[in-house]
Amino acid sequence: MTGNVRVAPVEPENFTPEQADLVGDWKHLVFSRVIVNSPRMYRTFLPHIEAVIAKTSLPPRDRQLIVLRMLVLCDDTYERTHHITISRNAGISEEEIAAFQSGTGSVLSDFDKTLIKATDQLKSDQFIDDATWAALAQRYSIEQLMDVVFVAGCYQTMAMLTKNFGMELEPSDGEFQDINKLRAYT
């Protein structure tokens, strides 16, 4: 990433009435303030993210493994920082968070390693090979298998957005805490 802000976050005092309505209480989140530069995409993409992440059929730990692994593979800082906090809120240990990101560690179960392999394959080839799919299918329903692809794809897209738009982390811990209070999912 170049470190250059390409799409500046809209300052809350400069929101149009439509932007203020769309962002609501999320005015501290840089992501919301950047995406609201396009109200059309905000109305489209934010419900998609909620459906894929907050309403996934995957257990929170599995979802976070996929998210963190994909964000590391995409060299994303913004979303990864947020999802480390979300992982902690979901009761995931620091050792697990580190293992999810590195893809290695004694805390990883065989199934965790299969999820990591699936995520790696989705990043490199956009395709989970038959053996890995079959291993996932031993535990997951069809809907959950689909959600693996949806979650991984969503976070590859999120990395593209944050990096291309030059999103910078929220400047203060207070803002980060305000954001964390709004999250209804872990």
N, C-alpha and C. Protein backbone atom coordinates (compact mmCIF):
# COMPACT_ATOMS: atom_id res chain seq x y z
N MET A 1 0.84 -1.18 0.00
CA MET A 1 0.00 0.00 0.00
C MET A 1 0.89 1.24 0.00
N THR A 2 0.46 2.25 -0.67
CA THR A 2 1.27 3.45 -0.80
C THR A 2 1.20 4.35 0.42
N GLY A 3 0.20 4.20 1.26
CA GLY A 3 0.05 5.08 2.41
C GLY A 3 -0.66 6.37 2.07
N ASN A 4 -1.08 6.51 0.83
CA ASN A 4 -1.79 7.71 0.42
C ASN A 4 -3.29 7.51 0.53
N VAL A 5 -3.96 8.49 1.13
CA VAL A 5 -5.41 8.47 1.18
C VAL A 5 -5.91 8.87 -0.20
N ARG A 6 -6.62 7.98 -0.84
CA ARG A 6 -7.18 8.25 -2.17
C ARG A 6 -8.63 8.69 -2.09
N VAL A 7 -9.35 8.14 -1.14
CA VAL A 7 -10.74 8.53 -0.91
C VAL A 7 -10.83 8.92 0.56
N ALA A 8 -10.93 10.20 0.80
CA ALA A 8 -10.92 10.70 2.17
C ALA A 8 -12.23 10.38 2.89
N PRO A 9 -12.14 10.07 4.18
CA PRO A 9 -13.36 9.87 4.95
C PRO A 9 -14.10 11.21 5.07
N VAL A 10 -15.40 11.15 4.93
CA VAL A 10 -16.22 12.35 5.09
C VAL A 10 -16.30 12.67 6.58
N GLU A 11 -16.00 13.89 6.92
CA GLU A 11 -16.12 14.31 8.33
C GLU A 11 -17.60 14.41 8.67
N PRO A 12 -18.00 13.91 9.84
CA PRO A 12 -19.43 13.90 10.19
C PRO A 12 -20.11 15.27 10.06
N GLU A 13 -19.39 16.34 10.35
CA GLU A 13 -20.00 17.67 10.23
C GLU A 13 -20.24 18.06 8.77
N ASN A 14 -19.64 17.31 7.83
CA ASN A 14 -19.82 17.57 6.41
C ASN A 14 -20.76 16.59 5.72
N PHE A 15 -21.35 15.67 6.49
CA PHE A 15 -22.29 14.71 5.90
C PHE A 15 -23.47 15.44 5.28
N THR A 16 -23.91 14.95 4.14
CA THR A 16 -25.21 15.36 3.62
C THR A 16 -26.25 14.69 4.51
N PRO A 17 -27.50 15.11 4.46
CA PRO A 17 -28.52 14.40 5.24
C PRO A 17 -28.59 12.91 4.90
N GLU A 18 -28.43 12.57 3.62
CA GLU A 18 -28.44 11.16 3.22
C GLU A 18 -27.27 10.41 3.85
N GLN A 19 -26.07 10.99 3.80
CA GLN A 19 -24.90 10.34 4.38
C GLN A 19 -25.05 10.17 5.89
N ALA A 20 -25.56 11.18 6.56
CA ALA A 20 -25.76 11.10 8.01
C ALA A 20 -26.74 9.99 8.35
N ASP A 21 -27.79 9.86 7.56
CA ASP A 21 -28.77 8.81 7.78
C ASP A 21 -28.16 7.43 7.56
N LEU A 22 -27.36 7.28 6.51
CA LEU A 22 -26.74 5.99 6.21
C LEU A 22 -25.74 5.58 7.28
N VAL A 23 -24.87 6.48 7.69
CA VAL A 23 -23.81 6.17 8.65
C VAL A 23 -24.38 5.99 10.06
N GLY A 24 -25.35 6.79 10.41
CA GLY A 24 -25.95 6.67 11.74
C GLY A 24 -24.91 6.79 12.84
N ASP A 25 -24.92 5.83 13.75
CA ASP A 25 -24.00 5.86 14.89
C ASP A 25 -22.57 5.46 14.53
N TRP A 26 -22.34 5.01 13.32
CA TRP A 26 -21.01 4.52 12.92
C TRP A 26 -20.10 5.65 12.45
N LYS A 27 -20.32 6.86 12.88
CA LYS A 27 -19.55 8.02 12.43
C LYS A 27 -18.08 7.99 12.85
N HIS A 28 -17.73 7.13 13.82
CA HIS A 28 -16.33 7.02 14.25
C HIS A 28 -15.55 6.03 13.38
N LEU A 29 -16.25 5.23 12.60
CA LEU A 29 -15.60 4.19 11.79
C LEU A 29 -15.14 4.78 10.46
N VAL A 30 -13.84 4.80 10.24
CA VAL A 30 -13.28 5.34 9.00
C VAL A 30 -13.89 4.62 7.79
N PHE A 31 -14.03 3.30 7.87
CA PHE A 31 -14.60 2.54 6.76
C PHE A 31 -15.95 3.12 6.33
N SER A 32 -16.84 3.35 7.28
CA SER A 32 -18.17 3.91 6.96
C SER A 32 -18.05 5.30 6.34
N ARG A 33 -17.15 6.10 6.90
CA ARG A 33 -17.01 7.47 6.42
C ARG A 33 -16.36 7.55 5.05
N VAL A 34 -15.62 6.51 4.66
CA VAL A 34 -15.06 6.46 3.30
C VAL A 34 -16.12 5.94 2.33
N ILE A 35 -16.74 4.82 2.66
CA ILE A 35 -17.70 4.20 1.75
C ILE A 35 -18.90 5.11 1.50
N VAL A 36 -19.27 5.94 2.47
CA VAL A 36 -20.43 6.82 2.30
C VAL A 36 -20.18 7.92 1.26
N ASN A 37 -18.94 8.04 0.76
CA ASN A 37 -18.70 8.91 -0.39
C ASN A 37 -19.54 8.47 -1.58
N SER A 38 -19.92 7.20 -1.58
CA SER A 38 -20.84 6.66 -2.59
C SER A 38 -22.06 6.10 -1.86
N PRO A 39 -23.06 6.94 -1.62
CA PRO A 39 -24.25 6.45 -0.91
C PRO A 39 -24.88 5.22 -1.58
N ARG A 40 -24.82 5.16 -2.89
CA ARG A 40 -25.38 4.01 -3.62
C ARG A 40 -24.67 2.72 -3.20
N MET A 41 -23.35 2.75 -3.16
CA MET A 41 -22.61 1.55 -2.77
C MET A 41 -22.73 1.28 -1.28
N TYR A 42 -22.83 2.32 -0.47
CA TYR A 42 -23.03 2.13 0.97
C TYR A 42 -24.33 1.34 1.19
N ARG A 43 -25.40 1.77 0.53
CA ARG A 43 -26.70 1.08 0.67
C ARG A 43 -26.64 -0.36 0.18
N THR A 44 -25.77 -0.64 -0.77
CA THR A 44 -25.65 -1.98 -1.34
C THR A 44 -24.67 -2.84 -0.56
N PHE A 45 -23.51 -2.30 -0.29
CA PHE A 45 -22.42 -3.12 0.25
C PHE A 45 -22.54 -3.39 1.75
N LEU A 46 -22.97 -2.41 2.54
CA LEU A 46 -23.04 -2.62 3.98
C LEU A 46 -24.02 -3.72 4.37
N PRO A 47 -25.20 -3.80 3.77
CA PRO A 47 -26.07 -4.95 4.09
C PRO A 47 -25.45 -6.28 3.64
N HIS A 48 -24.69 -6.26 2.56
CA HIS A 48 -23.99 -7.47 2.11
C HIS A 48 -22.98 -7.93 3.16
N ILE A 49 -22.19 -7.00 3.68
CA ILE A 49 -21.21 -7.34 4.71
C ILE A 49 -21.92 -7.92 5.93
N GLU A 50 -23.00 -7.29 6.35
CA GLU A 50 -23.73 -7.78 7.52
C GLU A 50 -24.25 -9.20 7.28
N ALA A 51 -24.79 -9.45 6.10
CA ALA A 51 -25.30 -10.79 5.79
C ALA A 51 -24.18 -11.82 5.77
N VAL A 52 -23.04 -11.46 5.22
CA VAL A 52 -21.94 -12.41 5.09
C VAL A 52 -21.24 -12.64 6.42
N ILE A 53 -21.08 -11.62 7.22
CA ILE A 53 -20.28 -11.74 8.44
C ILE A 53 -21.15 -11.93 9.68
N ALA A 54 -21.99 -10.98 9.98
CA ALA A 54 -22.76 -11.05 11.22
C ALA A 54 -23.81 -12.14 11.20
N LYS A 55 -24.29 -12.49 10.04
CA LYS A 55 -25.37 -13.48 9.94
C LYS A 55 -24.90 -14.79 9.29
N THR A 56 -23.60 -15.03 9.28
CA THR A 56 -23.07 -16.25 8.68
C THR A 56 -23.55 -17.48 9.44
N SER A 57 -23.57 -18.60 8.77
CA SER A 57 -23.90 -19.87 9.41
C SER A 57 -22.67 -20.50 10.07
N LEU A 58 -21.51 -19.90 9.88
CA LEU A 58 -20.28 -20.43 10.47
C LEU A 58 -20.16 -20.02 11.94
N PRO A 59 -19.56 -20.87 12.75
CA PRO A 59 -19.27 -20.46 14.13
C PRO A 59 -18.32 -19.26 14.13
N PRO A 60 -18.44 -18.35 15.12
CA PRO A 60 -17.58 -17.16 15.14
C PRO A 60 -16.09 -17.47 15.04
N ARG A 61 -15.63 -18.50 15.72
CA ARG A 61 -14.20 -18.83 15.68
C ARG A 61 -13.77 -19.20 14.26
N ASP A 62 -14.56 -20.00 13.57
CA ASP A 62 -14.23 -20.40 12.20
C ASP A 62 -14.25 -19.19 11.27
N ARG A 63 -15.28 -18.35 11.44
CA ARG A 63 -15.38 -17.14 10.61
C ARG A 63 -14.14 -16.28 10.80
N GLN A 64 -13.74 -16.08 12.05
CA GLN A 64 -12.58 -15.22 12.31
C GLN A 64 -11.29 -15.83 11.80
N LEU A 65 -11.17 -17.14 11.84
CA LEU A 65 -10.00 -17.79 11.27
C LEU A 65 -9.90 -17.44 9.78
N ILE A 66 -11.00 -17.60 9.06
CA ILE A 66 -11.01 -17.29 7.62
C ILE A 66 -10.71 -15.82 7.37
N VAL A 67 -11.37 -14.94 8.13
CA VAL A 67 -11.19 -13.50 7.94
C VAL A 67 -9.74 -13.09 8.19
N LEU A 68 -9.20 -13.47 9.34
CA LEU A 68 -7.83 -13.06 9.66
C LEU A 68 -6.82 -13.64 8.69
N ARG A 69 -7.00 -14.90 8.33
CA ARG A 69 -6.06 -15.51 7.38
C ARG A 69 -6.10 -14.79 6.03
N MET A 70 -7.32 -14.51 5.53
CA MET A 70 -7.43 -13.82 4.24
C MET A 70 -6.82 -12.43 4.31
N LEU A 71 -7.05 -11.71 5.40
CA LEU A 71 -6.52 -10.36 5.51
C LEU A 71 -5.00 -10.35 5.58
N VAL A 72 -4.40 -11.35 6.21
CA VAL A 72 -2.94 -11.46 6.21
C VAL A 72 -2.44 -11.75 4.80
N LEU A 73 -3.11 -12.69 4.12
CA LEU A 73 -2.70 -13.03 2.75
C LEU A 73 -2.80 -11.82 1.82
N CYS A 74 -3.75 -10.94 2.11
CA CYS A 74 -3.95 -9.73 1.29
C CYS A 74 -3.12 -8.54 1.79
N ASP A 75 -2.33 -8.75 2.85
CA ASP A 75 -1.50 -7.70 3.43
C ASP A 75 -2.32 -6.47 3.83
N ASP A 76 -3.46 -6.72 4.46
CA ASP A 76 -4.35 -5.66 4.91
C ASP A 76 -4.06 -5.32 6.37
N THR A 77 -4.03 -4.05 6.70
CA THR A 77 -3.85 -3.61 8.08
C THR A 77 -5.16 -3.14 8.69
N TYR A 78 -5.92 -2.34 7.97
CA TYR A 78 -7.12 -1.72 8.53
C TYR A 78 -8.12 -2.77 9.05
N GLU A 79 -8.60 -3.62 8.18
CA GLU A 79 -9.60 -4.61 8.59
C GLU A 79 -9.02 -5.63 9.56
N ARG A 80 -7.77 -5.99 9.37
CA ARG A 80 -7.15 -6.97 10.27
C ARG A 80 -7.12 -6.43 11.70
N THR A 81 -6.78 -5.16 11.86
CA THR A 81 -6.77 -4.56 13.20
C THR A 81 -8.15 -4.64 13.84
N HIS A 82 -9.18 -4.33 13.07
CA HIS A 82 -10.55 -4.42 13.60
C HIS A 82 -10.91 -5.87 13.93
N HIS A 83 -10.52 -6.79 13.08
CA HIS A 83 -10.91 -8.19 13.31
C HIS A 83 -10.09 -8.88 14.39
N ILE A 84 -8.96 -8.36 14.73
CA ILE A 84 -8.26 -8.86 15.92
C ILE A 84 -9.10 -8.52 17.15
N THR A 85 -9.63 -7.30 17.20
CA THR A 85 -10.50 -6.91 18.31
C THR A 85 -11.78 -7.75 18.33
N ILE A 86 -12.39 -7.95 17.17
CA ILE A 86 -13.60 -8.76 17.09
C ILE A 86 -13.30 -10.18 17.57
N SER A 87 -12.15 -10.71 17.20
CA SER A 87 -11.75 -12.05 17.63
C SER A 87 -11.62 -12.12 19.15
N ARG A 88 -10.98 -11.12 19.73
CA ARG A 88 -10.86 -11.07 21.20
C ARG A 88 -12.24 -11.03 21.85
N ASN A 89 -13.13 -10.21 21.29
CA ASN A 89 -14.49 -10.11 21.83
C ASN A 89 -15.24 -11.44 21.73
N ALA A 90 -14.86 -12.27 20.76
CA ALA A 90 -15.50 -13.58 20.58
C ALA A 90 -14.85 -14.64 21.47
N GLY A 91 -13.89 -14.23 22.31
CA GLY A 91 -13.25 -15.17 23.22
C GLY A 91 -12.10 -15.96 22.62
N ILE A 92 -11.60 -15.52 21.50
CA ILE A 92 -10.48 -16.20 20.85
C ILE A 92 -9.19 -15.71 21.49
N SER A 93 -8.32 -16.64 21.86
CA SER A 93 -7.08 -16.30 22.57
C SER A 93 -6.07 -15.61 21.65
N GLU A 94 -5.12 -14.94 22.27
CA GLU A 94 -4.05 -14.29 21.51
C GLU A 94 -3.25 -15.32 20.72
N GLU A 95 -3.05 -16.49 21.32
CA GLU A 95 -2.30 -17.55 20.64
C GLU A 95 -3.06 -18.04 19.40
N GLU A 96 -4.38 -18.17 19.52
CA GLU A 96 -5.20 -18.58 18.37
C GLU A 96 -5.19 -17.50 17.29
N ILE A 97 -5.32 -16.26 17.69
CA ILE A 97 -5.31 -15.15 16.73
C ILE A 97 -4.00 -15.15 15.94
N ALA A 98 -2.90 -15.33 16.64
CA ALA A 98 -1.59 -15.38 15.96
C ALA A 98 -1.52 -16.58 15.01
N ALA A 99 -2.03 -17.73 15.46
CA ALA A 99 -1.99 -18.94 14.62
C ALA A 99 -2.88 -18.80 13.39
N PHE A 100 -4.04 -18.19 13.55
CA PHE A 100 -4.93 -17.97 12.40
C PHE A 100 -4.21 -17.17 11.33
N GLN A 101 -3.48 -16.16 11.78
CA GLN A 101 -2.80 -15.28 10.83
C GLN A 101 -1.59 -15.96 10.18
N SER A 102 -0.81 -16.68 10.97
CA SER A 102 0.41 -17.30 10.43
C SER A 102 0.11 -18.59 9.69
N GLY A 103 -1.02 -19.23 10.04
CA GLY A 103 -1.36 -20.51 9.43
C GLY A 103 -0.69 -21.69 10.11
N THR A 104 0.01 -21.43 11.21
CA THR A 104 0.69 -22.49 11.94
C THR A 104 0.53 -22.27 13.44
N GLY A 105 0.68 -23.35 14.19
CA GLY A 105 0.66 -23.24 15.65
C GLY A 105 0.02 -24.45 16.28
N SER A 106 0.47 -24.74 17.49
CA SER A 106 -0.02 -25.93 18.19
C SER A 106 -1.48 -25.82 18.60
N VAL A 107 -2.04 -24.61 18.62
CA VAL A 107 -3.45 -24.45 19.01
C VAL A 107 -4.41 -24.78 17.86
N LEU A 108 -3.87 -24.98 16.67
CA LEU A 108 -4.72 -25.27 15.51
C LEU A 108 -5.10 -26.75 15.48
N SER A 109 -6.40 -27.00 15.38
CA SER A 109 -6.88 -28.37 15.20
C SER A 109 -6.68 -28.78 13.74
N ASP A 110 -6.90 -30.05 13.47
CA ASP A 110 -6.82 -30.50 12.08
C ASP A 110 -7.85 -29.77 11.23
N PHE A 111 -9.05 -29.53 11.79
CA PHE A 111 -10.07 -28.82 11.03
C PHE A 111 -9.66 -27.37 10.79
N ASP A 112 -9.06 -26.73 11.81
CA ASP A 112 -8.54 -25.37 11.62
C ASP A 112 -7.56 -25.34 10.44
N LYS A 113 -6.68 -26.33 10.38
CA LYS A 113 -5.69 -26.39 9.30
C LYS A 113 -6.38 -26.57 7.94
N THR A 114 -7.48 -27.29 7.94
CA THR A 114 -8.25 -27.45 6.70
C THR A 114 -8.88 -26.12 6.29
N LEU A 115 -9.41 -25.37 7.25
CA LEU A 115 -9.96 -24.04 6.94
C LEU A 115 -8.88 -23.10 6.42
N ILE A 116 -7.69 -23.17 7.01
CA ILE A 116 -6.58 -22.35 6.54
C ILE A 116 -6.21 -22.74 5.11
N LYS A 117 -6.16 -24.03 4.85
CA LYS A 117 -5.84 -24.50 3.49
C LYS A 117 -6.89 -24.01 2.50
N ALA A 118 -8.16 -24.10 2.88
CA ALA A 118 -9.24 -23.62 2.00
C ALA A 118 -9.10 -22.13 1.72
N THR A 119 -8.80 -21.35 2.76
CA THR A 119 -8.63 -19.91 2.59
C THR A 119 -7.44 -19.60 1.70
N ASP A 120 -6.35 -20.30 1.92
CA ASP A 120 -5.16 -20.11 1.08
C ASP A 120 -5.48 -20.42 -0.38
N GLN A 121 -6.22 -21.50 -0.61
CA GLN A 121 -6.58 -21.87 -1.98
C GLN A 121 -7.51 -20.84 -2.61
N LEU A 122 -8.44 -20.32 -1.82
CA LEU A 122 -9.34 -19.29 -2.36
C LEU A 122 -8.56 -18.03 -2.74
N LYS A 123 -7.57 -17.69 -1.96
CA LYS A 123 -6.76 -16.51 -2.28
C LYS A 123 -5.91 -16.77 -3.52
N SER A 124 -5.26 -17.92 -3.59
CA SER A 124 -4.32 -18.16 -4.69
C SER A 124 -5.00 -18.57 -5.99
N ASP A 125 -6.05 -19.41 -5.90
CA ASP A 125 -6.67 -19.97 -7.10
C ASP A 125 -8.15 -19.65 -7.25
N GLN A 126 -8.73 -19.02 -6.24
CA GLN A 126 -10.17 -18.77 -6.18
C GLN A 126 -10.95 -20.07 -6.27
N PHE A 127 -10.34 -21.16 -5.77
CA PHE A 127 -10.96 -22.48 -5.88
C PHE A 127 -10.46 -23.38 -4.76
N ILE A 128 -11.40 -24.01 -4.04
CA ILE A 128 -11.05 -25.00 -3.02
C ILE A 128 -10.97 -26.35 -3.71
N ASP A 129 -9.84 -27.03 -3.59
CA ASP A 129 -9.70 -28.31 -4.29
C ASP A 129 -10.65 -29.36 -3.71
N ASP A 130 -10.85 -30.43 -4.44
CA ASP A 130 -11.84 -31.45 -4.07
C ASP A 130 -11.55 -32.08 -2.72
N ALA A 131 -10.29 -32.37 -2.43
CA ALA A 131 -9.94 -33.01 -1.16
C ALA A 131 -10.24 -32.09 0.02
N THR A 132 -9.92 -30.81 -0.12
CA THR A 132 -10.18 -29.86 0.96
C THR A 132 -11.68 -29.64 1.13
N TRP A 133 -12.40 -29.54 0.01
CA TRP A 133 -13.86 -29.39 0.06
C TRP A 133 -14.48 -30.59 0.78
N ALA A 134 -14.03 -31.79 0.44
CA ALA A 134 -14.56 -33.00 1.08
C ALA A 134 -14.27 -33.01 2.58
N ALA A 135 -13.08 -32.55 2.96
CA ALA A 135 -12.74 -32.49 4.39
C ALA A 135 -13.63 -31.49 5.13
N LEU A 136 -13.90 -30.36 4.51
CA LEU A 136 -14.81 -29.38 5.11
C LEU A 136 -16.23 -29.95 5.20
N ALA A 137 -16.63 -30.68 4.17
CA ALA A 137 -17.99 -31.24 4.11
C ALA A 137 -18.24 -32.31 5.17
N GLN A 138 -17.20 -32.83 5.76
CA GLN A 138 -17.40 -33.80 6.85
C GLN A 138 -18.01 -33.14 8.08
N ARG A 139 -17.82 -31.83 8.22
CA ARG A 139 -18.36 -31.10 9.36
C ARG A 139 -19.43 -30.08 8.97
N TYR A 140 -19.32 -29.52 7.78
CA TYR A 140 -20.17 -28.41 7.38
C TYR A 140 -21.32 -28.84 6.47
N SER A 141 -22.42 -28.10 6.61
CA SER A 141 -23.56 -28.23 5.70
C SER A 141 -23.23 -27.54 4.38
N ILE A 142 -24.09 -27.71 3.40
CA ILE A 142 -23.91 -27.01 2.12
C ILE A 142 -23.87 -25.50 2.35
N GLU A 143 -24.78 -24.99 3.17
CA GLU A 143 -24.80 -23.55 3.44
C GLU A 143 -23.48 -23.09 4.07
N GLN A 144 -22.95 -23.86 5.00
CA GLN A 144 -21.68 -23.49 5.62
C GLN A 144 -20.52 -23.56 4.63
N LEU A 145 -20.53 -24.55 3.75
CA LEU A 145 -19.50 -24.62 2.71
C LEU A 145 -19.56 -23.37 1.83
N MET A 146 -20.76 -22.98 1.49
CA MET A 146 -20.91 -21.76 0.69
C MET A 146 -20.42 -20.54 1.47
N ASP A 147 -20.73 -20.50 2.77
CA ASP A 147 -20.31 -19.36 3.59
C ASP A 147 -18.78 -19.25 3.69
N VAL A 148 -18.06 -20.36 3.64
CA VAL A 148 -16.60 -20.29 3.62
C VAL A 148 -16.16 -19.43 2.43
N VAL A 149 -16.74 -19.68 1.29
CA VAL A 149 -16.38 -18.94 0.08
C VAL A 149 -16.85 -17.49 0.18
N PHE A 150 -18.08 -17.29 0.66
CA PHE A 150 -18.60 -15.93 0.81
C PHE A 150 -17.73 -15.09 1.75
N VAL A 151 -17.37 -15.65 2.91
CA VAL A 151 -16.58 -14.91 3.89
C VAL A 151 -15.20 -14.60 3.33
N ALA A 152 -14.54 -15.59 2.77
CA ALA A 152 -13.20 -15.37 2.21
C ALA A 152 -13.25 -14.33 1.09
N GLY A 153 -14.22 -14.44 0.21
CA GLY A 153 -14.34 -13.49 -0.90
C GLY A 153 -14.66 -12.09 -0.43
N CYS A 154 -15.53 -11.98 0.57
CA CYS A 154 -15.87 -10.66 1.12
C CYS A 154 -14.63 -9.97 1.67
N TYR A 155 -13.81 -10.73 2.38
CA TYR A 155 -12.64 -10.10 2.99
C TYR A 155 -11.49 -9.88 2.03
N GLN A 156 -11.45 -10.59 0.94
CA GLN A 156 -10.51 -10.22 -0.11
C GLN A 156 -10.96 -8.90 -0.72
N THR A 157 -12.26 -8.76 -0.93
CA THR A 157 -12.80 -7.50 -1.43
C THR A 157 -12.57 -6.36 -0.43
N MET A 158 -12.79 -6.64 0.86
CA MET A 158 -12.58 -5.60 1.88
C MET A 158 -11.12 -5.12 1.84
N ALA A 159 -10.19 -6.04 1.69
CA ALA A 159 -8.77 -5.65 1.61
C ALA A 159 -8.53 -4.77 0.38
N MET A 160 -9.16 -5.12 -0.72
CA MET A 160 -9.01 -4.29 -1.93
C MET A 160 -9.53 -2.88 -1.68
N LEU A 161 -10.67 -2.77 -1.02
CA LEU A 161 -11.25 -1.46 -0.73
C LEU A 161 -10.35 -0.65 0.18
N THR A 162 -9.96 -1.24 1.31
CA THR A 162 -9.19 -0.46 2.29
C THR A 162 -7.84 -0.04 1.74
N LYS A 163 -7.20 -0.91 0.98
CA LYS A 163 -5.89 -0.58 0.44
C LYS A 163 -5.98 0.41 -0.72
N ASN A 164 -6.91 0.21 -1.63
CA ASN A 164 -7.01 1.11 -2.78
C ASN A 164 -7.52 2.49 -2.41
N PHE A 165 -8.40 2.56 -1.41
CA PHE A 165 -8.91 3.87 -0.99
C PHE A 165 -7.99 4.54 0.01
N GLY A 166 -6.97 3.80 0.50
CA GLY A 166 -6.01 4.37 1.44
C GLY A 166 -6.60 4.60 2.82
N MET A 167 -7.43 3.66 3.29
CA MET A 167 -8.05 3.84 4.61
C MET A 167 -7.02 3.72 5.71
N GLU A 168 -7.05 4.71 6.58
CA GLU A 168 -6.16 4.71 7.74
C GLU A 168 -6.96 4.36 8.98
N LEU A 169 -6.30 3.77 9.95
CA LEU A 169 -6.96 3.41 11.19
C LEU A 169 -7.50 4.65 11.90
N GLU A 170 -8.52 4.43 12.69
CA GLU A 170 -9.08 5.51 13.49
C GLU A 170 -7.97 6.07 14.38
N PRO A 171 -7.93 7.39 14.53
CA PRO A 171 -6.78 8.02 15.18
C PRO A 171 -6.70 7.85 16.70
N SER A 172 -7.79 7.45 17.35
CA SER A 172 -7.71 7.37 18.81
C SER A 172 -8.34 6.09 19.34
N ASP A 173 -7.84 5.68 20.51
CA ASP A 173 -8.41 4.51 21.17
C ASP A 173 -9.86 4.76 21.55
N GLY A 174 -10.19 6.01 21.87
CA GLY A 174 -11.58 6.35 22.22
C GLY A 174 -12.53 6.07 21.08
N GLU A 175 -12.12 6.43 19.86
CA GLU A 175 -12.96 6.14 18.70
C GLU A 175 -13.09 4.63 18.49
N PHE A 176 -11.99 3.93 18.69
CA PHE A 176 -12.01 2.48 18.53
C PHE A 176 -12.97 1.86 19.55
N GLN A 177 -12.97 2.38 20.78
CA GLN A 177 -13.88 1.88 21.82
C GLN A 177 -15.32 2.20 21.46
N ASP A 178 -15.58 3.38 20.91
CA ASP A 178 -16.95 3.74 20.49
C ASP A 178 -17.45 2.79 19.41
N ILE A 179 -16.58 2.42 18.49
CA ILE A 179 -16.93 1.48 17.42
C ILE A 179 -17.23 0.11 18.02
N ASN A 180 -16.38 -0.32 18.92
CA ASN A 180 -16.53 -1.64 19.53
C ASN A 180 -17.88 -1.77 20.27
N LYS A 181 -18.35 -0.69 20.86
CA LYS A 181 -19.63 -0.71 21.58
C LYS A 181 -20.81 -0.94 20.62
N LEU A 182 -20.65 -0.56 19.35
CA LEU A 182 -21.73 -0.67 18.38
C LEU A 182 -21.84 -2.07 17.77
N ARG A 183 -20.78 -2.85 17.84
CA ARG A 183 -20.79 -4.16 17.20
C ARG A 183 -21.74 -5.09 17.95
N ALA A 184 -22.70 -5.61 17.22
CA ALA A 184 -23.70 -6.50 17.83
C ALA A 184 -23.32 -7.97 17.65
N TYR A 185 -22.21 -8.25 17.02
CA TYR A 185 -21.79 -9.62 16.82
C TYR A 185 -20.36 -9.80 17.30
N THR A 186 -20.02 -11.04 17.59
CA THR A 186 -18.64 -11.36 17.97
C THR A 186 -18.12 -12.41 17.04
